[in-house]
Amino acid sequence: MTSPRCVMGVTGGIAAAKASSVASMLVKAGVDVHTIMTRAACEFVTPLTFRTISGNPVTVDMFAEPDQWNVKHVSLAQSADVFLVAPATANLIGKVASGIADDMLTTTIMATRAPVIIAPAMNTGMYTNPILQRNIATLAELGYRFVEPECGRLACGDVGQGRMAQPERIVSYVLHVLEARGASDFTGLKVVVNAGPTREAIDPIRFITNRSSGKMGYALAGAAAARGARVMLVSGPVNLPRPEGCQLIPVESAEQMLNATLEAASDADIVIASAAVADYSPARYSPAKIKKAEGGLALELARTADILARLGAQRAAASYPKVLVGFAAETDDLLANAQAKLTSKNLDMIVANKVDPSSSPFGSDTNTVVLIRPVHEPERIGPASKMHIAHAVLDRTLSIYRTNH
């Protein structure tokens, strides 16, 4: 199987040093990386760095003797499955927005039909300049995609927005776009995803939780955003970066998860409830730390609200969300328990996970699931990456949405 190809542009800025980490992560993920550097970029990092990382020649000079007899900018443009510019200066963004193609990088961008992802990096004054913002808006309207820069201390000493996004964020977004084959089939849809565990407080120090890492839900949110959806991610406490293009709503308890999910879902087209919400919470909260004493401690638990059941009832009363997808983690009778949940919660589809010592999905980057839909045979997917499974779930979800609406 041929590896997906990313043509990666690197422009002149201090963030060019971080671009090598982006290239390295993409290569480790199985992507064939071909780098184009501007002459200014070569003042910060050498072409040898990217050639060593990628194993491919690095292009700088538009008129250099070609390694193959082809029109270089056209061949790179046509071969790209995705085109990434990281870092992207204000100069590069302005040129592309104005249709200027005066070097190898801008010429190749002009010629490509692949999705173009731009990761800006510059001084905060430059980034907030209305001319730059107008250029970004122009390109976004034309289908160019952006990985928003982060806030922090910049190389010039200023503090503000403009620092290039962390390599992990950029790479995750690129991989989602590749997995989706550049599709924007969720454009115009509002998607709500809840993810991660909840924490139910016993006292100010202790709480009840579960093993969920949130990785599956975050993969779903990132995948939907990469495919054009407006995504609201309601997340319990996790150690994961916010997926690109998602509005993050952090919560902690099951009650907070319930309220935030119901509010977000009130006008949603699609809700995917992947969170591992606690079924029980301490019946009484101790405002002071419970001291250790002789003998045991009896902890009385009370049932928490059933978020999926409430979503199903809200949907029946108000026709929102239009499509409702749930998750089920089971240690036994996987199909029977998942099928019962599908029916009782008024779901369009349920994603069933088998949990046992040999195949627990918690904390892993891979998973094996069974998709269960009414009048369909159960569909097994995996073992595969959670990103691949996320896009497969979205494919079936979109099919349900189009059939019903």
Protein backbone atom coordinates (compact mmCIF):
# COMPACT_ATOMS: atom_id res chain seq x y z
CA MET A 1 0.00 0.00 0.00
CA THR A 2 1.41 3.40 -0.98
CA SER A 3 2.06 5.78 1.90
CA PRO A 4 0.03 9.02 1.86
CA ARG A 5 2.12 11.97 0.71
CA CYS A 6 2.41 15.30 2.47
CA VAL A 7 4.15 18.18 0.74
CA MET A 8 5.40 20.37 3.57
CA GLY A 9 6.30 24.01 3.10
CA VAL A 10 8.63 25.69 5.60
CA THR A 11 8.94 29.48 5.67
CA GLY A 12 11.37 31.81 7.41
CA GLY A 13 10.74 32.25 11.10
CA ILE A 14 12.09 30.97 14.41
CA ALA A 15 9.30 28.37 14.44
CA ALA A 16 11.07 26.67 11.51
CA ALA A 17 13.05 24.86 14.19
CA LYS A 18 9.82 23.22 15.43
CA ALA A 19 8.88 22.26 11.89
CA SER A 20 11.45 19.47 11.97
CA SER A 21 9.48 17.85 14.83
CA VAL A 22 6.32 18.06 12.71
CA ALA A 23 8.09 16.32 9.82
CA SER A 24 9.50 13.66 12.13
CA MET A 25 6.11 12.86 13.66
CA LEU A 26 4.50 12.61 10.23
CA VAL A 27 7.21 10.22 9.02
CA LYS A 28 6.76 8.07 12.15
CA ALA A 29 3.02 7.97 11.39
CA GLY A 30 3.77 6.47 7.96
CA VAL A 31 3.46 9.64 5.87
CA ASP A 32 5.78 10.26 2.91
CA VAL A 33 7.01 13.83 3.50
CA HIS A 34 8.45 16.04 0.75
CA THR A 35 9.71 19.43 1.90
CA ILE A 36 9.84 22.77 0.14
CA MET A 37 11.79 25.49 1.95
CA THR A 38 11.92 29.19 1.23
CA ARG A 39 15.35 30.79 1.15
CA ALA A 40 14.49 32.63 4.38
CA ALA A 41 13.69 29.30 6.07
CA CYS A 42 17.23 28.11 5.27
CA GLU A 43 18.54 30.88 7.53
CA PHE A 44 16.93 29.15 10.52
CA VAL A 45 17.32 25.43 9.70
CA THR A 46 19.18 23.61 6.94
CA PRO A 47 17.66 21.54 4.13
CA LEU A 48 19.84 18.66 5.33
CA THR A 49 17.71 18.42 8.48
CA PHE A 50 14.52 17.74 6.53
CA ARG A 51 16.27 15.52 3.99
CA THR A 52 17.59 13.35 6.82
CA ILE A 53 14.22 13.17 8.57
CA SER A 54 12.13 12.46 5.47
CA GLY A 55 14.59 10.52 3.34
CA ASN A 56 13.54 12.69 0.39
CA PRO A 57 15.24 15.56 -1.47
CA VAL A 58 14.39 19.05 -0.23
CA THR A 59 13.42 21.69 -2.77
CA VAL A 60 14.52 25.31 -2.34
CA ASP A 61 15.50 26.84 -5.67
CA MET A 62 12.85 27.03 -8.36
CA PHE A 63 15.49 26.88 -11.09
CA ALA A 64 17.86 24.28 -9.62
CA GLU A 65 18.87 21.31 -11.77
CA PRO A 66 16.02 18.82 -11.22
CA ASP A 67 16.68 15.35 -9.79
CA GLN A 68 14.02 14.04 -12.20
CA TRP A 69 12.99 15.36 -15.60
CA ASN A 70 9.62 16.84 -14.74
CA VAL A 71 8.17 20.23 -13.94
CA LYS A 72 9.00 20.16 -10.24
CA HIS A 73 6.29 22.39 -8.82
CA VAL A 74 3.62 20.63 -10.90
CA SER A 75 4.79 17.12 -10.02
CA LEU A 76 4.87 17.91 -6.28
CA ALA A 77 1.49 19.63 -6.44
CA GLN A 78 -0.13 16.71 -8.27
CA SER A 79 1.40 14.04 -6.03
CA ALA A 80 0.30 15.61 -2.73
CA ASP A 81 -2.51 14.04 -0.70
CA VAL A 82 -2.24 16.98 1.68
CA PHE A 83 -0.23 20.20 1.61
CA LEU A 84 1.04 21.62 4.91
CA VAL A 85 2.77 24.95 5.50
CA ALA A 86 4.37 25.09 8.96
CA PRO A 87 5.37 27.65 9.95
CA ALA A 88 3.54 30.09 7.69
CA THR A 89 4.62 33.73 7.85
CA ALA A 90 2.40 36.74 7.25
CA ASN A 91 4.31 37.19 3.99
CA LEU A 92 3.43 33.70 2.75
CA ILE A 93 -0.23 34.05 3.75
CA GLY A 94 -0.45 37.42 2.02
CA LYS A 95 1.10 36.07 -1.17
CA VAL A 96 -1.23 33.07 -1.36
CA ALA A 97 -4.30 35.22 -0.61
CA SER A 98 -3.26 37.59 -3.41
CA GLY A 99 -2.50 34.85 -5.93
CA ILE A 100 1.23 35.63 -6.02
CA ALA A 101 3.44 32.72 -7.07
CA ASP A 102 7.03 33.94 -7.17
CA ASP A 103 8.98 31.06 -5.64
CA MET A 104 8.82 27.27 -5.50
CA LEU A 105 6.55 27.16 -2.43
CA THR A 106 3.89 29.65 -3.55
CA THR A 107 3.97 28.26 -7.09
CA THR A 108 3.36 24.71 -5.84
CA ILE A 109 0.54 25.83 -3.53
CA MET A 110 -1.07 27.58 -6.49
CA ALA A 111 -0.86 24.39 -8.58
CA THR A 112 -2.11 21.84 -6.03
CA ARG A 113 -5.62 20.47 -5.71
CA ALA A 114 -4.84 18.81 -2.39
CA PRO A 115 -6.23 20.19 0.89
CA VAL A 116 -3.91 22.98 2.09
CA ILE A 117 -3.31 23.34 5.84
CA ILE A 118 -1.60 26.49 7.11
CA ALA A 119 -0.04 26.85 10.57
CA PRO A 120 0.70 30.58 11.09
CA ALA A 121 3.59 31.74 13.27
CA MET A 122 4.52 35.39 13.80
CA ASN A 123 4.65 38.32 16.21
CA THR A 124 1.31 38.92 17.93
CA GLY A 125 1.05 42.40 16.42
CA MET A 126 1.42 40.92 12.96
CA TYR A 127 -1.07 38.15 13.69
CA THR A 128 -3.74 40.53 14.95
CA ASN A 129 -3.15 43.00 12.10
CA PRO A 130 -6.47 43.40 10.23
CA ILE A 131 -4.73 42.90 6.89
CA LEU A 132 -3.42 39.50 7.98
CA GLN A 133 -6.80 38.56 9.46
CA ARG A 134 -8.50 39.58 6.22
CA ASN A 135 -6.09 37.38 4.25
CA ILE A 136 -6.78 34.43 6.55
CA ALA A 137 -10.54 34.95 6.19
CA THR A 138 -10.19 35.12 2.40
CA LEU A 139 -8.27 31.86 2.27
CA ALA A 140 -10.64 30.15 4.73
CA GLU A 141 -13.58 31.05 2.49
CA LEU A 142 -11.72 29.43 -0.40
CA GLY A 143 -11.31 26.18 1.53
CA TYR A 144 -7.83 26.61 2.96
CA ARG A 145 -7.54 25.19 6.46
CA PHE A 146 -5.76 26.75 9.43
CA VAL A 147 -4.23 25.43 12.63
CA GLU A 148 -4.63 28.40 14.93
CA PRO A 149 -1.48 29.67 16.66
CA GLU A 150 -1.17 29.54 20.45
CA CYS A 151 -0.78 32.24 23.07
CA GLY A 152 2.43 32.59 25.02
CA ARG A 153 5.83 34.21 25.11
CA LEU A 154 7.16 34.81 21.60
CA ALA A 155 10.77 34.82 20.43
CA CYS A 156 10.72 38.63 20.25
CA GLY A 157 9.77 38.85 23.93
CA ASP A 158 6.14 39.80 23.38
CA VAL A 159 3.39 37.79 25.03
CA GLY A 160 0.27 37.02 23.02
CA GLN A 161 -1.14 34.92 20.22
CA GLY A 162 1.18 34.03 17.36
CA ARG A 163 3.29 31.12 18.52
CA MET A 164 3.03 28.20 16.11
CA ALA A 165 0.76 25.41 17.33
CA GLN A 166 2.46 22.52 19.05
CA PRO A 167 3.63 19.83 16.60
CA GLU A 168 1.20 17.30 18.11
CA ARG A 169 -1.79 19.51 17.24
CA ILE A 170 -0.58 20.08 13.70
CA VAL A 171 0.20 16.42 13.07
CA SER A 172 -3.12 15.23 14.49
CA TYR A 173 -5.00 17.55 12.17
CA VAL A 174 -2.97 16.52 9.12
CA LEU A 175 -3.59 12.83 9.89
CA HIS A 176 -7.34 13.46 10.28
CA VAL A 177 -7.45 15.20 6.90
CA LEU A 178 -5.54 12.32 5.32
CA GLU A 179 -7.80 9.73 6.96
CA ALA A 180 -10.85 11.59 5.64
CA ARG A 181 -9.24 11.85 2.19
CA GLY A 182 -9.73 15.60 2.30
CA ALA A 183 -13.52 15.32 2.61
CA SER A 184 -15.58 18.24 3.91
CA ASP A 185 -18.80 16.25 4.05
CA PHE A 186 -19.78 17.48 7.53
CA THR A 187 -19.76 21.15 6.52
CA GLY A 188 -22.81 22.94 7.90
CA LEU A 189 -23.52 20.33 10.59
CA LYS A 190 -23.32 20.90 14.33
CA VAL A 191 -21.79 17.89 16.07
CA VAL A 192 -21.64 17.46 19.84
CA VAL A 193 -19.27 14.88 21.33
CA ASN A 194 -18.89 14.10 25.00
CA ALA A 195 -15.73 12.35 26.05
CA GLY A 196 -13.55 11.18 28.89
CA PRO A 197 -14.39 10.13 32.45
CA THR A 198 -16.24 11.99 35.16
CA ARG A 199 -15.07 12.50 38.73
CA GLU A 200 -17.52 12.16 41.60
CA ALA A 201 -16.17 13.88 44.71
CA ILE A 202 -16.08 12.06 48.05
CA ASP A 203 -14.34 14.90 49.90
CA PRO A 204 -12.05 17.77 48.81
CA ILE A 205 -9.23 15.29 48.11
CA ARG A 206 -10.77 12.02 46.97
CA PHE A 207 -13.10 11.12 44.12
CA ILE A 208 -14.54 8.16 42.22
CA THR A 209 -13.63 7.83 38.55
CA ASN A 210 -12.91 5.23 35.88
CA ARG A 211 -10.20 4.22 33.40
CA SER A 212 -11.35 6.26 30.40
CA SER A 213 -8.58 8.31 28.76
CA GLY A 214 -10.90 10.25 26.42
CA LYS A 215 -8.85 9.28 23.36
CA MET A 216 -11.78 7.80 21.43
CA GLY A 217 -14.00 10.82 22.00
CA TYR A 218 -11.23 13.26 21.16
CA ALA A 219 -10.54 11.31 17.95
CA LEU A 220 -14.23 11.59 17.04
CA ALA A 221 -14.30 15.33 17.73
CA GLY A 222 -11.10 15.94 15.77
CA ALA A 223 -12.33 13.84 12.87
CA ALA A 224 -15.65 15.70 12.66
CA ALA A 225 -13.90 19.08 12.76
CA ALA A 226 -11.44 18.01 10.05
CA ARG A 227 -14.45 17.09 7.89
CA GLY A 228 -16.01 20.54 8.26
CA ALA A 229 -18.38 20.18 11.22
CA ARG A 230 -18.92 22.79 13.90
CA VAL A 231 -17.90 20.70 16.90
CA MET A 232 -18.62 21.19 20.59
CA LEU A 233 -16.58 18.81 22.75
CA VAL A 234 -17.87 18.31 26.29
CA SER A 235 -14.95 16.73 28.10
CA GLY A 236 -14.30 15.26 31.49
CA PRO A 237 -10.79 15.54 33.00
CA VAL A 238 -8.23 14.17 30.51
CA ASN A 239 -4.59 14.74 29.64
CA LEU A 240 -5.12 15.46 25.94
CA PRO A 241 -4.74 18.60 23.78
CA ARG A 242 -7.89 20.18 22.40
CA PRO A 243 -8.58 18.80 18.91
CA GLU A 244 -8.15 21.41 16.21
CA GLY A 245 -11.33 23.24 15.25
CA CYS A 246 -13.35 22.19 18.31
CA GLN A 247 -14.99 24.28 21.01
CA LEU A 248 -13.98 22.65 24.29
CA ILE A 249 -16.38 22.65 27.26
CA PRO A 250 -14.55 21.20 30.29
CA VAL A 251 -16.61 19.51 33.02
CA GLU A 252 -15.86 17.27 35.96
CA SER A 253 -18.89 15.56 37.48
CA ALA A 254 -21.66 13.52 35.89
CA GLU A 255 -24.14 16.29 36.70
CA GLN A 256 -21.96 18.88 34.94
CA MET A 257 -21.57 16.50 31.98
CA LEU A 258 -25.35 16.09 31.82
CA ASN A 259 -26.12 19.81 31.88
CA ALA A 260 -23.42 20.78 29.37
CA THR A 261 -24.30 17.96 26.96
CA LEU A 262 -28.04 18.66 27.04
CA GLU A 263 -27.49 22.38 26.47
CA ALA A 264 -25.09 21.79 23.56
CA ALA A 265 -27.38 19.14 22.06
CA SER A 266 -30.50 21.33 22.05
CA ASP A 267 -29.88 22.40 18.42
CA ALA A 268 -27.34 19.77 17.33
CA ASP A 269 -27.58 17.76 14.15
CA ILE A 270 -25.54 14.90 15.58
CA VAL A 271 -24.62 13.90 19.14
CA ILE A 272 -22.03 11.22 19.81
CA ALA A 273 -21.99 10.24 23.48
CA SER A 274 -18.67 8.49 24.03
CA ALA A 275 -18.00 9.70 27.59
CA ALA A 276 -17.55 7.16 30.37
CA VAL A 277 -19.98 8.79 32.79
CA ALA A 278 -20.08 7.50 36.36
CA ASP A 279 -23.27 5.56 37.04
CA TYR A 280 -23.01 6.28 40.77
CA SER A 281 -21.88 9.18 42.91
CA PRO A 282 -21.31 9.44 46.68
CA ALA A 283 -24.68 10.05 48.33
CA ARG A 284 -23.10 12.51 50.75
CA TYR A 285 -20.13 14.79 50.16
CA SER A 286 -17.82 15.53 53.07
CA PRO A 287 -16.61 19.17 53.02
CA ALA A 288 -13.62 18.12 55.16
CA LYS A 289 -11.15 15.33 54.44
CA ILE A 290 -12.42 12.01 55.79
CA LYS A 291 -9.83 10.90 58.36
CA LYS A 292 -8.42 7.41 58.47
CA ALA A 293 -9.84 5.36 61.34
CA GLU A 294 -9.81 1.80 62.59
CA GLY A 295 -11.97 -0.62 60.64
CA GLY A 296 -13.64 -0.18 57.29
CA LEU A 297 -15.49 2.71 55.69
CA ALA A 298 -18.93 2.29 54.17
CA LEU A 299 -19.51 4.61 51.22
CA GLU A 300 -23.14 4.99 50.20
CA LEU A 301 -23.65 5.67 46.49
CA ALA A 302 -26.55 7.29 44.68
CA ARG A 303 -27.52 6.80 41.04
CA THR A 304 -26.51 9.56 38.65
CA ALA A 305 -28.71 10.83 35.82
CA ASP A 306 -28.72 8.77 32.62
CA ILE A 307 -27.41 11.20 29.99
CA LEU A 308 -28.18 8.98 26.99
CA ALA A 309 -31.73 8.37 28.17
CA ARG A 310 -32.25 12.10 28.65
CA LEU A 311 -30.84 12.80 25.17
CA GLY A 312 -33.16 10.19 23.69
CA ALA A 313 -36.16 11.75 25.44
CA GLN A 314 -35.13 15.27 24.38
CA ARG A 315 -34.83 14.04 20.84
CA ALA A 316 -38.30 12.50 20.88
CA ALA A 317 -39.83 15.72 22.20
CA ALA A 318 -37.93 18.33 20.20
CA SER A 319 -36.47 16.48 17.19
CA TYR A 320 -32.92 17.34 18.35
CA PRO A 321 -30.43 15.88 18.01
CA LYS A 322 -31.31 14.54 14.59
CA VAL A 323 -28.89 11.61 14.98
CA LEU A 324 -27.89 10.12 18.34
CA VAL A 325 -24.95 7.70 18.70
CA GLY A 326 -23.98 6.03 21.96
CA PHE A 327 -21.15 3.87 23.27
CA ALA A 328 -21.25 0.72 25.35
CA ALA A 329 -18.29 -0.81 27.19
CA GLU A 330 -19.12 -4.34 28.28
CA THR A 331 -17.25 -7.18 29.97
CA ASP A 332 -19.75 -9.85 28.91
CA ASP A 333 -22.69 -10.41 26.53
CA LEU A 334 -21.41 -7.54 24.38
CA LEU A 335 -23.92 -7.73 21.53
CA ALA A 336 -26.98 -8.45 23.68
CA ASN A 337 -26.23 -5.66 26.15
CA ALA A 338 -25.41 -3.17 23.41
CA GLN A 339 -28.54 -4.06 21.45
CA ALA A 340 -30.70 -3.55 24.55
CA LYS A 341 -29.10 -0.15 25.12
CA LEU A 342 -29.65 0.83 21.48
CA THR A 343 -33.39 0.19 21.84
CA SER A 344 -33.99 1.51 25.34
CA LYS A 345 -32.12 4.79 24.79
CA ASN A 346 -33.69 5.59 21.39
CA LEU A 347 -30.31 5.54 19.58
CA ASP A 348 -29.55 5.42 15.85
CA MET A 349 -26.31 3.53 16.41
CA ILE A 350 -24.24 2.19 19.27
CA VAL A 351 -20.50 1.56 19.29
CA ALA A 352 -19.78 -1.50 21.41
CA ASN A 353 -16.42 -2.13 23.10
CA LYS A 354 -15.44 -5.43 24.69
CA VAL A 355 -13.44 -4.88 27.89
CA ASP A 356 -11.30 -7.73 29.15
CA PRO A 357 -7.69 -8.11 30.32
CA SER A 358 -6.48 -8.91 26.79
CA SER A 359 -8.30 -6.18 24.87
CA SER A 360 -9.16 -3.21 27.08
CA PRO A 361 -9.72 -0.05 25.01
CA PHE A 362 -8.89 2.27 27.92
CA GLY A 363 -5.78 4.37 27.38
CA SER A 364 -4.84 2.64 24.14
CA ASP A 365 -4.34 4.31 20.77
CA THR A 366 -6.06 1.36 19.08
CA ASN A 367 -9.41 -0.32 19.52
CA THR A 368 -11.78 -2.95 18.16
CA VAL A 369 -15.47 -2.08 18.10
CA VAL A 370 -18.76 -3.44 16.84
CA LEU A 371 -21.21 -0.99 15.25
CA ILE A 372 -24.84 -1.90 15.85
CA ARG A 373 -27.70 -0.23 13.96
CA PRO A 374 -31.36 -1.14 13.57
CA VAL A 375 -32.03 -3.51 10.63
CA HIS A 376 -28.28 -3.93 10.02
CA GLU A 377 -25.98 -6.80 10.82
CA PRO A 378 -23.42 -5.95 13.53
CA GLU A 379 -20.28 -4.53 11.87
CA ARG A 380 -16.88 -5.21 13.39
CA ILE A 381 -14.13 -2.62 12.85
CA GLY A 382 -10.56 -3.16 13.96
CA PRO A 383 -8.22 -3.73 15.46
CA ALA A 384 -7.33 -0.28 14.15
CA SER A 385 -6.26 3.14 15.33
CA LYS A 386 -8.89 5.14 17.18
CA MET A 387 -8.53 7.78 14.46
CA HIS A 388 -9.47 5.22 11.79
CA ILE A 389 -12.38 3.99 13.90
CA ALA A 390 -13.54 7.59 14.46
CA HIS A 391 -13.79 8.21 10.74
CA ALA A 392 -15.57 4.88 10.19
CA VAL A 393 -18.11 5.84 12.88
CA LEU A 394 -18.59 9.23 11.20
CA ASP A 395 -19.07 7.60 7.80
CA ARG A 396 -21.97 5.50 9.16
CA THR A 397 -23.33 8.44 11.15
CA LEU A 398 -23.42 10.65 8.07
CA SER A 399 -25.19 7.90 6.14
CA ILE A 400 -27.86 7.75 8.87
CA TYR A 401 -28.23 11.54 8.81
CA ARG A 402 -28.65 11.65 5.02
CA THR A 403 -31.13 8.76 5.03
CA ASN A 404 -33.30 10.31 7.74
CA HIS A 405 -33.03 13.95 6.68
